[in-house]
Amino acid sequence: MTTEEKREQVILSLADMLRTTPFQTEFRVKKKPVGIKVIIEVTQEQMTELAKKTIGKEK
């Protein structure tokens, strides 16, 4: 899988999460912004499940 394909997969995954999970947006004014930062708050159980899925996809 190319870097561009991985990037597209992450974008689609984020879009799916935004459709199913409540979220908020914040804007911070900076002199030299470097882009968009996405912070996802999860429980330890959710993180463990996500890690298992990610490892399964790599194999």
C-alpha atoms as a PDB file:
ATOM      1  CA  MET A   1       0.000   0.000   0.000  1.00  0.00           C
ATOM      2  CA  THR A   2       1.423   3.381  -0.985  1.00  0.00           C
ATOM      3  CA  THR A   3       1.711   6.374   1.321  1.00  0.00           C
ATOM      4  CA  GLU A   4      -1.125   8.095  -0.530  1.00  0.00           C
ATOM      5  CA  GLU A   5      -3.376   5.039  -0.121  1.00  0.00           C
ATOM      6  CA  LYS A   6      -2.599   4.898   3.624  1.00  0.00           C
ATOM      7  CA  ARG A   7      -3.384   8.612   3.915  1.00  0.00           C
ATOM      8  CA  GLU A   8      -6.711   8.134   2.156  1.00  0.00           C
ATOM      9  CA  GLN A   9      -7.561   5.197   4.440  1.00  0.00           C
ATOM     10  CA  VAL A  10      -6.897   7.337   7.546  1.00  0.00           C
ATOM     11  CA  ILE A  11      -9.057  10.148   6.159  1.00  0.00           C
ATOM     12  CA  LEU A  12     -11.938   7.744   5.504  1.00  0.00           C
ATOM     13  CA  SER A  13     -11.598   6.231   8.988  1.00  0.00           C
ATOM     14  CA  LEU A  14     -11.710   9.686  10.582  1.00  0.00           C
ATOM     15  CA  ALA A  15     -14.788  10.590   8.548  1.00  0.00           C
ATOM     16  CA  ASP A  16     -16.538   7.413   9.742  1.00  0.00           C
ATOM     17  CA  MET A  17     -15.685   8.217  13.374  1.00  0.00           C
ATOM     18  CA  LEU A  18     -16.997  11.767  13.012  1.00  0.00           C
ATOM     19  CA  ARG A  19     -20.290  10.425  11.672  1.00  0.00           C
ATOM     20  CA  THR A  20     -20.836   8.088  14.646  1.00  0.00           C
ATOM     21  CA  THR A  21     -19.182   9.867  17.592  1.00  0.00           C
ATOM     22  CA  PRO A  22     -20.000  13.236  19.177  1.00  0.00           C
ATOM     23  CA  PHE A  23     -17.168  15.737  18.613  1.00  0.00           C
ATOM     24  CA  GLN A  24     -16.207  19.346  19.065  1.00  0.00           C
ATOM     25  CA  THR A  25     -13.942  21.654  17.120  1.00  0.00           C
ATOM     26  CA  GLU A  26     -11.559  24.271  18.452  1.00  0.00           C
ATOM     27  CA  PHE A  27      -9.639  26.913  16.561  1.00  0.00           C
ATOM     28  CA  ARG A  28      -6.314  28.309  17.729  1.00  0.00           C
ATOM     29  CA  VAL A  29      -4.771  31.308  16.044  1.00  0.00           C
ATOM     30  CA  LYS A  30      -1.033  30.833  15.447  1.00  0.00           C
ATOM     31  CA  LYS A  31       1.567  32.816  13.527  1.00  0.00           C
ATOM     32  CA  LYS A  32       2.883  29.752  11.685  1.00  0.00           C
ATOM     33  CA  PRO A  33       0.314  26.956  11.701  1.00  0.00           C
ATOM     34  CA  VAL A  34       1.582  23.593  10.476  1.00  0.00           C
ATOM     35  CA  GLY A  35      -1.750  21.962   9.687  1.00  0.00           C
ATOM     36  CA  ILE A  36      -4.631  20.187  11.370  1.00  0.00           C
ATOM     37  CA  LYS A  37      -4.142  18.277  14.614  1.00  0.00           C
ATOM     38  CA  VAL A  38      -6.631  15.531  15.466  1.00  0.00           C
ATOM     39  CA  ILE A  39      -6.844  14.355  19.084  1.00  0.00           C
ATOM     40  CA  ILE A  40      -9.076  11.377  19.800  1.00  0.00           C
ATOM     41  CA  GLU A  41      -9.937  10.593  23.408  1.00  0.00           C
ATOM     42  CA  VAL A  42     -10.501   6.894  24.016  1.00  0.00           C
ATOM     43  CA  THR A  43     -10.744   4.526  26.937  1.00  0.00           C
ATOM     44  CA  GLN A  44      -8.047   1.912  27.494  1.00  0.00           C
ATOM     45  CA  GLU A  45     -10.456  -0.757  26.237  1.00  0.00           C
ATOM     46  CA  GLN A  46     -11.084   1.164  23.015  1.00  0.00           C
ATOM     47  CA  MET A  47      -7.336   1.646  22.496  1.00  0.00           C
ATOM     48  CA  THR A  48      -6.677  -2.058  23.025  1.00  0.00           C
ATOM     49  CA  GLU A  49      -9.360  -2.972  20.492  1.00  0.00           C
ATOM     50  CA  LEU A  50      -7.992  -0.463  17.983  1.00  0.00           C
ATOM     51  CA  ALA A  51      -4.475  -1.851  18.406  1.00  0.00           C
ATOM     52  CA  LYS A  52      -5.732  -5.413  17.820  1.00  0.00           C
ATOM     53  CA  LYS A  53      -7.506  -4.340  14.619  1.00  0.00           C
ATOM     54  CA  THR A  54      -4.429  -2.491  13.372  1.00  0.00           C
ATOM     55  CA  ILE A  55      -2.145  -5.458  14.005  1.00  0.00           C
ATOM     56  CA  GLY A  56      -4.633  -7.739  12.254  1.00  0.00           C
ATOM     57  CA  LYS A  57      -4.666  -5.518   9.137  1.00  0.00           C
ATOM     58  CA  GLU A  58      -0.860  -5.473   8.903  1.00  0.00           C
ATOM     59  CA  LYS A  59      -0.639  -9.266   8.619  1.00  0.00           C
END
